Amino acid sequence: MKKLILPLLLVSTQIFMQNAFAASACDSRSGNCLSIQQVGNTSFSDVSQYGENNLATTFQKSRQTEPVPFWNRSLATTIYQDGDKNIAHVTQYSGEGKGEGNAQRAGITQVGDRNETTISSGEDTGRQGGMAIVSQYGNDNIARITQVAKGTLGTIYQEGNKNNASINTRSHPNNETHFVNITQVGNHNNAESTSLDGSWAHSIINQSGDYNHGSQYVENPYNQVRLQQIGNNNTSYQTVRSRSSSKHTDVLNMVTQQGNGNLSSIEASGDRANSFVEQYGNRNKSGLNNNGNDYGTAKIAQTGDDNTANATINGASNNVDIAQNGNGNIAGVLVNGAGNTAIISQLGNNNQAYQTINGSGNHLAIYQQGSGNYASQSITGNSNALSISQVGSGNNGTIDWQGNNSNLSISQTGSNLSYSIIGQGDGRQMAITQSN
């Protein structure tokens, strides 16, 4: 192991730095070892290492006894490592003492296999926000970013197989924006992101390859969360919650999966909660739990074979749309409150569709085109209008309703048709059409 006690320089390690007062704490590694510690209003460091089993650690902290203009406050570090089994750690703290706190900037690039990166930034007031960027090229790499600041930007790019990426952001004080972006190119990769306590959160995960896993958890008043997976046997999970004392919040979360055997699960809550899932491929599954209030909507679109779609919606204005184009699809929908509209469209064979709604302005429609279809609708109250349209053979329809302004219709074209409407009360009107 080679140890560096500043100001010495190793041939394979080039350093530029300001305000460095110590460098030590290297462990027993066979490669080069470097530790940088900097305290001051403005600190910079730049490290390059080549070879295997290198370690680079940078610790930067602002120390303000008097207010300092923002242009004189900055913590910045970059680390470049080329080789296998290298480790890079960056820790940045700002905002101690008077003034607005320091802007934090950290960038790490690693080329090779089995490398590890950790960036931790923020503390105290963390006023000016943090930027952390990690790029890794190779296999079995790990990248972690943790940020606590007034507005953050965290980006991880990984190219290779069996890589792991995670970004955790939190605003302090809780009134600014998080930007999170993870991109992975390769197979068997894992990506996770968490954003808390800001006013806005923008979280994006892009994965290209097979057997990838992505998950996102966000709690902020205004959220935009997107996850895209291109490849086979991918999974994704999203949880998006709006927390605010104000009247309105916004939630937009989207999942796009292109490939076979995908699984998606979304949970969203807040005013104006809008959730969208698109799956292209075979044997896809999806779920959706959208507890929105005003102006919420949810849509699931599946193109492929053996798809399954679920939706559970409880809040106010609801609008649910499930579209399946393929064979052997199953869809469900369960809605409890207010202005509902629920539409299921299935183009293909052996489809099933279910809908249950209990409250207010309801409008339910099921359209099926194909063989061996089955449809069922149930409502309990208020302004209802239910329709089932089936084109194909071996169809079956069912409508179960209980109350109020009703308007029910079943249209079936094909052979082996059947229908059933079970009712009760109020406005009523019915139309049944069957033809071969």
Protein backbone atom coordinates (compact mmCIF):
# COMPACT_ATOMS: atom_id res chain seq x y z
CA MET A 1 0.00 0.00 0.00
CA LYS A 2 1.18 3.49 -0.83
CA LYS A 3 0.21 6.23 1.59
CA LEU A 4 0.20 9.90 0.75
CA ILE A 5 0.81 12.52 3.40
CA LEU A 6 0.40 15.89 1.75
CA PRO A 7 2.07 17.78 0.16
CA LEU A 8 3.84 14.77 -1.45
CA LEU A 9 2.59 13.57 -4.85
CA LEU A 10 2.56 10.02 -6.21
CA VAL A 11 3.32 9.53 -9.89
CA SER A 12 -0.12 8.03 -10.51
CA THR A 13 -1.99 10.59 -8.43
CA GLN A 14 -2.34 14.22 -9.45
CA ILE A 15 -3.92 16.62 -7.00
CA PHE A 16 -5.05 20.22 -7.11
CA MET A 17 -6.40 21.59 -3.84
CA GLN A 18 -6.92 24.61 -1.67
CA ASN A 19 -7.21 24.88 2.11
CA ALA A 20 -6.08 21.32 2.69
CA PHE A 21 -4.77 20.81 6.18
CA ALA A 22 -4.55 17.02 6.52
CA ALA A 23 -4.54 13.83 4.54
CA SER A 24 -4.36 10.46 6.16
CA ALA A 25 -6.68 7.69 7.36
CA CYS A 26 -5.84 5.28 4.58
CA ASP A 27 -6.65 1.65 5.23
CA SER A 28 -4.55 -1.38 4.32
CA ARG A 29 -5.02 -1.39 0.57
CA SER A 30 -2.47 -2.52 -2.00
CA GLY A 31 -2.94 0.52 -4.26
CA ASN A 32 -2.58 4.25 -3.71
CA CYS A 33 -4.36 5.82 -0.78
CA LEU A 34 -5.30 9.49 -0.50
CA SER A 35 -7.27 11.45 2.09
CA ILE A 36 -8.01 15.16 1.73
CA GLN A 37 -9.59 17.36 4.41
CA GLN A 38 -10.48 20.98 3.72
CA VAL A 39 -12.13 23.60 5.92
CA GLY A 40 -12.95 27.07 4.63
CA ASN A 41 -15.42 29.19 2.71
CA THR A 42 -13.97 28.11 -0.62
CA SER A 43 -12.39 24.69 -1.12
CA PHE A 44 -11.49 22.74 -4.26
CA SER A 45 -9.83 19.41 -4.89
CA ASP A 46 -9.07 17.36 -8.01
CA VAL A 47 -7.82 13.76 -7.80
CA SER A 48 -6.82 11.22 -10.48
CA GLN A 49 -5.81 7.63 -9.72
CA TYR A 50 -4.77 4.80 -12.03
CA GLY A 51 -4.48 1.13 -11.21
CA GLU A 52 -6.26 -1.25 -8.84
CA ASN A 53 -7.27 -1.09 -5.17
CA ASN A 54 -6.95 2.69 -4.90
CA LEU A 55 -8.76 4.73 -2.25
CA ALA A 56 -9.59 8.42 -2.47
CA THR A 57 -11.48 10.27 0.26
CA THR A 58 -12.32 13.96 0.31
CA PHE A 59 -13.81 15.81 3.28
CA GLN A 60 -14.84 19.45 2.82
CA LYS A 61 -16.57 21.71 5.32
CA SER A 62 -17.28 25.43 5.31
CA ARG A 63 -16.45 27.45 8.40
CA GLN A 64 -18.04 30.89 8.44
CA THR A 65 -17.65 33.33 11.28
CA GLU A 66 -18.92 36.28 9.25
CA PRO A 67 -21.48 36.54 6.43
CA VAL A 68 -19.78 35.84 3.11
CA PRO A 69 -21.13 36.74 -0.36
CA PHE A 70 -22.38 33.71 -2.26
CA TRP A 71 -19.74 34.04 -4.98
CA ASN A 72 -17.06 33.41 -2.35
CA ARG A 73 -18.72 30.28 -1.04
CA SER A 74 -18.15 27.00 -2.82
CA LEU A 75 -17.15 23.42 -2.06
CA ALA A 76 -16.08 21.48 -5.13
CA THR A 77 -14.27 18.21 -5.72
CA THR A 78 -13.66 15.83 -8.61
CA ILE A 79 -12.24 12.30 -8.53
CA TYR A 80 -11.22 10.16 -11.50
CA GLN A 81 -10.22 6.52 -11.07
CA ASP A 82 -9.19 4.15 -13.85
CA GLY A 83 -8.86 0.51 -12.77
CA ASP A 84 -10.63 -2.19 -10.76
CA LYS A 85 -11.66 -2.37 -7.09
CA ASN A 86 -11.23 1.34 -6.49
CA ILE A 87 -13.13 3.28 -3.83
CA ALA A 88 -14.02 6.99 -3.83
CA HIS A 89 -15.73 8.82 -0.95
CA VAL A 90 -16.73 12.47 -0.89
CA THR A 91 -18.24 14.24 2.13
CA GLN A 92 -19.28 17.89 1.96
CA TYR A 93 -20.86 19.94 4.76
CA SER A 94 -21.88 23.56 4.45
CA GLY A 95 -23.76 26.27 6.28
CA GLU A 96 -21.96 26.30 9.60
CA GLY A 97 -21.91 29.68 11.24
CA LYS A 98 -23.21 32.87 9.61
CA GLY A 99 -24.18 33.52 6.02
CA GLU A 100 -26.08 31.52 3.47
CA GLY A 101 -24.01 28.34 3.36
CA ASN A 102 -21.87 26.96 0.58
CA ALA A 103 -22.77 25.52 -2.79
CA GLN A 104 -21.63 21.89 -2.94
CA ARG A 105 -20.34 20.29 -6.12
CA ALA A 106 -18.99 16.76 -6.42
CA GLY A 107 -18.14 14.69 -9.48
CA ILE A 108 -16.75 11.15 -9.59
CA THR A 109 -15.83 9.07 -12.65
CA GLN A 110 -14.74 5.44 -12.38
CA VAL A 111 -13.66 3.16 -15.23
CA GLY A 112 -13.32 -0.53 -14.41
CA ASP A 113 -15.03 -3.31 -12.46
CA ARG A 114 -16.06 -3.69 -8.80
CA ASN A 115 -15.61 0.00 -7.98
CA GLU A 116 -17.50 1.86 -5.26
CA THR A 117 -18.53 5.49 -4.94
CA THR A 118 -20.19 7.41 -2.13
CA ILE A 119 -21.10 11.10 -2.10
CA SER A 120 -22.62 12.67 1.02
CA SER A 121 -23.43 16.37 1.08
CA GLY A 122 -25.30 18.82 3.28
CA GLU A 123 -25.71 19.61 6.95
CA ASP A 124 -27.01 22.39 9.14
CA THR A 125 -28.79 24.95 6.95
CA GLY A 126 -27.35 23.63 3.68
CA ARG A 127 -28.55 26.75 1.99
CA GLN A 128 -27.13 26.87 -1.51
CA GLY A 129 -27.94 23.34 -2.56
CA GLY A 130 -25.84 20.47 -3.81
CA MET A 131 -24.84 18.91 -7.11
CA ALA A 132 -23.51 15.36 -7.25
CA ILE A 133 -22.64 13.55 -10.48
CA VAL A 134 -21.32 9.98 -10.73
CA SER A 135 -20.30 8.10 -13.90
CA GLN A 136 -19.24 4.47 -13.80
CA TYR A 137 -18.16 2.28 -16.72
CA GLY A 138 -17.77 -1.43 -15.98
CA ASN A 139 -19.43 -4.25 -14.07
CA ASP A 140 -20.40 -4.86 -10.43
CA ASN A 141 -20.05 -1.19 -9.50
CA ILE A 142 -21.84 0.59 -6.64
CA ALA A 143 -22.80 4.27 -6.53
CA ARG A 144 -24.53 6.04 -3.64
CA ILE A 145 -25.50 9.70 -3.33
CA THR A 146 -26.99 11.27 -0.20
CA GLN A 147 -27.91 14.97 -0.26
CA VAL A 148 -29.40 17.30 2.35
CA ALA A 149 -29.60 20.84 1.06
CA LYS A 150 -31.77 23.68 -0.22
CA GLY A 151 -32.32 22.18 -3.64
CA THR A 152 -30.33 19.26 -4.97
CA LEU A 153 -29.24 17.68 -8.24
CA GLY A 154 -28.11 14.06 -8.16
CA THR A 155 -27.12 12.12 -11.28
CA ILE A 156 -25.76 8.59 -11.67
CA TYR A 157 -24.80 7.02 -15.00
CA GLN A 158 -23.73 3.37 -15.08
CA GLU A 159 -22.77 1.38 -18.12
CA GLY A 160 -22.25 -2.34 -17.59
CA ASN A 161 -23.82 -5.29 -15.80
CA LYS A 162 -24.81 -5.97 -12.17
CA ASN A 163 -24.44 -2.34 -11.10
CA ASN A 164 -26.23 -0.74 -8.15
CA ALA A 165 -27.25 2.91 -7.89
CA SER A 166 -29.08 4.79 -5.14
CA ILE A 167 -29.84 8.48 -4.61
CA ASN A 168 -31.39 9.87 -1.41
CA THR A 169 -32.25 13.56 -1.27
CA ARG A 170 -33.80 15.72 1.40
CA SER A 171 -34.37 19.46 1.46
CA HIS A 172 -33.32 21.47 4.50
CA PRO A 173 -35.08 23.80 5.02
CA ASN A 174 -37.99 22.06 3.32
CA ASN A 175 -38.82 24.47 0.52
CA GLU A 176 -36.75 23.66 -2.54
CA THR A 177 -36.44 21.33 -5.52
CA HIS A 178 -34.85 17.89 -5.94
CA PHE A 179 -33.64 16.66 -9.33
CA VAL A 180 -32.75 12.96 -9.45
CA ASN A 181 -31.62 11.11 -12.56
CA ILE A 182 -30.33 7.53 -12.75
CA THR A 183 -29.42 5.93 -16.07
CA GLN A 184 -28.24 2.33 -16.34
CA VAL A 185 -27.22 0.56 -19.54
CA GLY A 186 -26.70 -3.18 -19.17
CA ASN A 187 -28.22 -6.24 -17.49
CA HIS A 188 -29.11 -7.18 -13.91
CA ASN A 189 -28.88 -3.59 -12.68
CA ASN A 190 -30.63 -2.08 -9.65
CA ALA A 191 -31.64 1.57 -9.16
CA GLU A 192 -33.33 3.22 -6.18
CA SER A 193 -34.18 6.84 -5.40
CA THR A 194 -35.79 8.67 -2.48
CA SER A 195 -36.75 12.36 -2.31
CA LEU A 196 -38.20 13.98 0.81
CA ASP A 197 -39.20 17.35 2.29
CA GLY A 198 -38.78 19.58 -0.76
CA SER A 199 -41.33 21.68 -2.60
CA TRP A 200 -40.72 19.99 -5.97
CA ALA A 201 -39.27 16.61 -6.85
CA HIS A 202 -38.24 15.43 -10.31
CA SER A 203 -37.12 11.81 -10.23
CA ILE A 204 -36.17 9.88 -13.37
CA ILE A 205 -34.82 6.34 -13.76
CA ASN A 206 -33.89 4.94 -17.18
CA GLN A 207 -32.78 1.34 -17.52
CA SER A 208 -31.86 -0.42 -20.74
CA GLY A 209 -31.17 -4.14 -20.59
CA ASP A 210 -32.54 -7.35 -19.09
CA TYR A 211 -33.53 -8.27 -15.52
CA ASN A 212 -33.34 -4.72 -14.21
CA HIS A 213 -35.03 -3.42 -11.06
CA GLY A 214 -36.03 0.16 -10.32
CA SER A 215 -37.82 1.75 -7.35
CA GLN A 216 -38.73 5.34 -6.46
CA TYR A 217 -40.11 6.86 -3.26
CA VAL A 218 -41.07 10.54 -3.20
CA GLU A 219 -42.80 12.74 -0.60
CA ASN A 220 -43.16 16.38 -1.61
CA PRO A 221 -46.06 18.75 -2.43
CA TYR A 222 -45.29 18.70 -6.18
CA ASN A 223 -43.87 15.58 -7.79
CA GLN A 224 -42.91 14.31 -11.22
CA VAL A 225 -41.65 10.75 -11.21
CA ARG A 226 -40.74 8.74 -14.31
CA LEU A 227 -39.32 5.27 -14.74
CA GLN A 228 -38.47 3.70 -18.09
CA GLN A 229 -37.24 0.16 -18.61
CA ILE A 230 -36.31 -1.32 -21.97
CA GLY A 231 -35.56 -5.02 -21.88
CA ASN A 232 -36.90 -8.30 -20.52
CA ASN A 233 -38.11 -9.40 -17.08
CA ASN A 234 -37.86 -5.93 -15.56
CA THR A 235 -39.60 -4.77 -12.37
CA SER A 236 -40.44 -1.31 -11.07
CA TYR A 237 -42.01 0.18 -7.96
CA GLN A 238 -43.13 3.76 -7.37
CA THR A 239 -44.53 5.40 -4.24
CA VAL A 240 -45.42 9.07 -4.59
CA ARG A 241 -47.06 11.06 -1.81
CA SER A 242 -47.79 14.74 -1.58
CA ARG A 243 -47.34 16.41 1.77
CA SER A 244 -48.39 20.03 2.06
CA SER A 245 -50.50 22.32 4.22
CA SER A 246 -51.60 24.16 1.08
CA LYS A 247 -54.87 23.35 -0.63
CA HIS A 248 -53.46 21.85 -3.82
CA THR A 249 -50.59 19.56 -4.64
CA ASP A 250 -49.53 17.88 -7.86
CA VAL A 251 -48.43 14.32 -8.53
CA LEU A 252 -47.36 12.92 -11.89
CA ASN A 253 -45.85 9.47 -12.03
CA MET A 254 -45.17 7.41 -15.13
CA VAL A 255 -43.78 3.94 -15.84
CA THR A 256 -42.84 2.69 -19.30
CA GLN A 257 -41.71 -0.90 -19.80
CA GLN A 258 -40.76 -2.39 -23.12
CA GLY A 259 -40.02 -6.10 -23.09
CA ASN A 260 -41.26 -9.42 -21.72
CA GLY A 261 -42.40 -10.45 -18.26
CA ASN A 262 -42.42 -6.93 -16.78
CA LEU A 263 -43.96 -5.99 -13.43
CA SER A 264 -45.00 -2.50 -12.36
CA SER A 265 -46.54 -1.22 -9.15
CA ILE A 266 -47.54 2.39 -8.49
CA GLU A 267 -48.93 4.04 -5.38
CA ALA A 268 -49.78 7.74 -5.50
CA SER A 269 -51.61 10.15 -3.22
CA GLY A 270 -52.34 13.87 -3.33
CA ASP A 271 -54.45 16.40 -5.19
CA ARG A 272 -54.15 16.20 -8.94
CA ALA A 273 -52.61 12.74 -8.76
CA ASN A 274 -51.99 11.50 -12.28
CA SER A 275 -50.53 8.04 -12.87
CA PHE A 276 -49.66 6.37 -16.17
CA VAL A 277 -48.31 2.91 -16.98
CA GLU A 278 -47.32 1.69 -20.43
CA GLN A 279 -46.17 -1.88 -20.97
CA TYR A 280 -45.14 -3.32 -24.31
CA GLY A 281 -44.40 -7.02 -24.33
CA ASN A 282 -45.56 -10.39 -23.03
CA ARG A 283 -46.77 -11.50 -19.64
CA ASN A 284 -46.73 -8.03 -18.16
CA LYS A 285 -48.30 -7.25 -14.80
CA SER A 286 -49.24 -3.93 -13.35
CA GLY A 287 -50.88 -2.51 -10.25
CA LEU A 288 -52.00 1.00 -9.45
CA ASN A 289 -53.18 2.63 -6.26
CA ASN A 290 -54.06 6.25 -6.84
CA ASN A 291 -55.56 7.97 -3.81
CA GLY A 292 -55.89 11.37 -5.43
CA ASN A 293 -58.35 14.09 -4.62
CA ASP A 294 -59.07 16.83 -7.18
CA TYR A 295 -58.51 16.18 -10.86
CA GLY A 296 -56.77 12.84 -10.49
CA THR A 297 -56.55 10.28 -13.26
CA ALA A 298 -55.00 6.86 -13.86
CA LYS A 299 -54.24 5.00 -17.06
CA ILE A 300 -52.77 1.57 -17.79
CA ALA A 301 -51.94 0.56 -21.35
CA GLN A 302 -50.66 -2.93 -22.12
CA THR A 303 -49.71 -4.33 -25.50
CA GLY A 304 -48.78 -8.00 -25.49
CA ASP A 305 -49.84 -11.40 -24.17
CA ASP A 306 -51.02 -12.58 -20.75
CA ASN A 307 -51.20 -9.10 -19.26
CA THR A 308 -52.76 -8.30 -15.91
CA ALA A 309 -53.85 -4.83 -14.78
CA ASN A 310 -55.22 -3.65 -11.43
CA ALA A 311 -56.38 -0.25 -10.27
CA THR A 312 -57.60 0.94 -6.88
CA ILE A 313 -58.73 4.55 -6.72
CA ASN A 314 -60.41 6.15 -3.71
CA GLY A 315 -60.36 9.94 -4.08
CA ALA A 316 -62.50 12.63 -5.61
CA SER A 317 -62.55 13.27 -9.34
CA ASN A 318 -61.24 9.87 -10.53
CA ASN A 319 -60.76 8.83 -14.11
CA VAL A 320 -59.56 5.31 -14.81
CA ASP A 321 -58.65 3.95 -18.22
CA ILE A 322 -57.30 0.45 -18.84
CA ALA A 323 -56.46 -0.55 -22.41
CA GLN A 324 -55.17 -4.01 -23.25
CA ASN A 325 -54.21 -5.21 -26.68
CA GLY A 326 -53.26 -8.86 -26.64
CA ASN A 327 -54.31 -12.35 -25.55
CA GLY A 328 -55.39 -13.67 -22.17
CA ASN A 329 -55.60 -10.25 -20.51
CA ILE A 330 -57.22 -9.60 -17.13
CA ALA A 331 -58.23 -6.16 -15.86
CA GLY A 332 -59.85 -5.02 -12.62
CA VAL A 333 -60.87 -1.58 -11.24
CA LEU A 334 -62.18 -0.65 -7.81
CA VAL A 335 -63.24 2.95 -7.17
CA ASN A 336 -65.10 4.27 -4.14
CA GLY A 337 -65.64 8.03 -4.33
CA ALA A 338 -67.02 10.97 -6.31
CA GLY A 339 -66.92 11.93 -9.99
CA ASN A 340 -65.77 8.59 -11.42
CA THR A 341 -65.33 7.39 -14.97
CA ALA A 342 -63.92 3.92 -15.53
CA ILE A 343 -63.27 2.47 -18.96
CA ILE A 344 -61.80 -0.90 -19.85
CA SER A 345 -60.93 -1.75 -23.43
CA GLN A 346 -59.64 -5.17 -24.41
CA LEU A 347 -58.67 -6.25 -27.91
CA GLY A 348 -57.69 -9.89 -28.01
CA ASN A 349 -58.66 -13.38 -26.85
CA ASN A 350 -59.66 -14.83 -23.49
CA ASN A 351 -60.03 -11.43 -21.85
CA GLN A 352 -61.77 -10.69 -18.56
CA ALA A 353 -62.79 -7.32 -17.14
CA TYR A 354 -64.20 -6.30 -13.74
CA GLN A 355 -65.31 -2.97 -12.35
CA THR A 356 -66.78 -2.05 -8.96
CA ILE A 357 -67.71 1.54 -8.07
CA ASN A 358 -69.69 2.72 -5.06
CA GLY A 359 -70.16 6.49 -5.13
CA SER A 360 -71.45 9.46 -7.13
CA GLY A 361 -71.33 10.55 -10.77
CA ASN A 362 -70.31 7.18 -12.22
CA HIS A 363 -69.93 6.26 -15.87
CA LEU A 364 -68.67 2.75 -16.56
CA ALA A 365 -67.89 1.21 -19.92
CA ILE A 366 -66.33 -2.08 -20.99
CA TYR A 367 -65.46 -2.85 -24.60
CA GLN A 368 -64.15 -6.29 -25.60
CA GLN A 369 -63.30 -7.59 -29.03
CA GLY A 370 -62.16 -11.19 -29.24
CA SER A 371 -63.05 -14.73 -28.17
CA GLY A 372 -64.02 -16.08 -24.76
CA ASN A 373 -64.51 -12.66 -23.16
CA TYR A 374 -66.19 -12.08 -19.83
CA ALA A 375 -67.22 -8.71 -18.37
CA SER A 376 -68.79 -7.69 -15.07
CA GLN A 377 -69.77 -4.29 -13.71
CA SER A 378 -71.18 -3.32 -10.35
CA ILE A 379 -72.15 0.06 -8.88
CA THR A 380 -74.08 1.09 -5.82
CA GLY A 381 -75.14 4.68 -6.11
CA ASN A 382 -76.07 7.90 -7.85
CA SER A 383 -76.01 9.15 -11.40
CA ASN A 384 -74.88 5.92 -13.12
CA ALA A 385 -74.65 4.91 -16.76
CA LEU A 386 -73.21 1.47 -17.43
CA SER A 387 -72.46 -0.09 -20.80
CA ILE A 388 -70.93 -3.36 -21.97
CA SER A 389 -70.01 -3.91 -25.61
CA GLN A 390 -68.68 -7.28 -26.72
CA VAL A 391 -67.72 -8.33 -30.22
CA GLY A 392 -66.59 -11.94 -30.54
CA SER A 393 -67.58 -15.49 -29.51
CA GLY A 394 -68.35 -17.01 -26.15
CA ASN A 395 -69.06 -13.63 -24.57
CA ASN A 396 -70.78 -13.11 -21.25
CA GLY A 397 -71.85 -9.77 -19.78
CA THR A 398 -73.18 -8.86 -16.31
CA ILE A 399 -74.32 -5.60 -14.82
CA ASP A 400 -75.23 -5.32 -11.18
CA TRP A 401 -76.55 -1.96 -10.08
CA GLN A 402 -78.56 -0.61 -7.17
CA GLY A 403 -79.57 2.96 -7.26
CA ASN A 404 -80.45 6.27 -8.75
CA ASN A 405 -80.48 7.75 -12.19
CA SER A 406 -79.38 4.59 -14.05
CA ASN A 407 -78.95 4.05 -17.76
CA LEU A 408 -77.78 0.55 -18.58
CA SER A 409 -76.92 -1.15 -21.84
CA ILE A 410 -75.42 -4.40 -23.08
CA SER A 411 -74.48 -4.95 -26.71
CA GLN A 412 -73.19 -8.34 -27.83
CA THR A 413 -72.20 -9.50 -31.29
CA GLY A 414 -71.07 -13.09 -31.69
CA SER A 415 -72.13 -16.59 -30.70
CA ASN A 416 -72.81 -18.17 -27.29
CA LEU A 417 -73.91 -14.81 -25.93
CA SER A 418 -75.52 -14.22 -22.59
CA TYR A 419 -76.43 -11.18 -20.55
CA SER A 420 -77.62 -10.42 -17.08
CA ILE A 421 -78.69 -7.17 -15.49
CA ILE A 422 -79.62 -7.24 -11.82
CA GLY A 423 -81.02 -4.02 -10.61
CA GLN A 424 -83.07 -1.94 -8.23
CA GLY A 425 -84.06 1.54 -8.22
CA ASP A 426 -84.69 4.96 -9.55
CA GLY A 427 -84.36 6.41 -13.05
CA ARG A 428 -83.65 3.17 -14.91
CA GLN A 429 -83.50 2.68 -18.62
CA MET A 430 -82.17 -0.42 -20.26
CA ALA A 431 -81.07 -1.45 -23.73
CA ILE A 432 -80.09 -4.98 -24.66
CA THR A 433 -78.83 -5.79 -28.17
CA GLN A 434 -77.69 -9.22 -29.30
CA SER A 435 -76.82 -10.36 -32.78
CA ASN A 436 -74.92 -13.20 -34.41
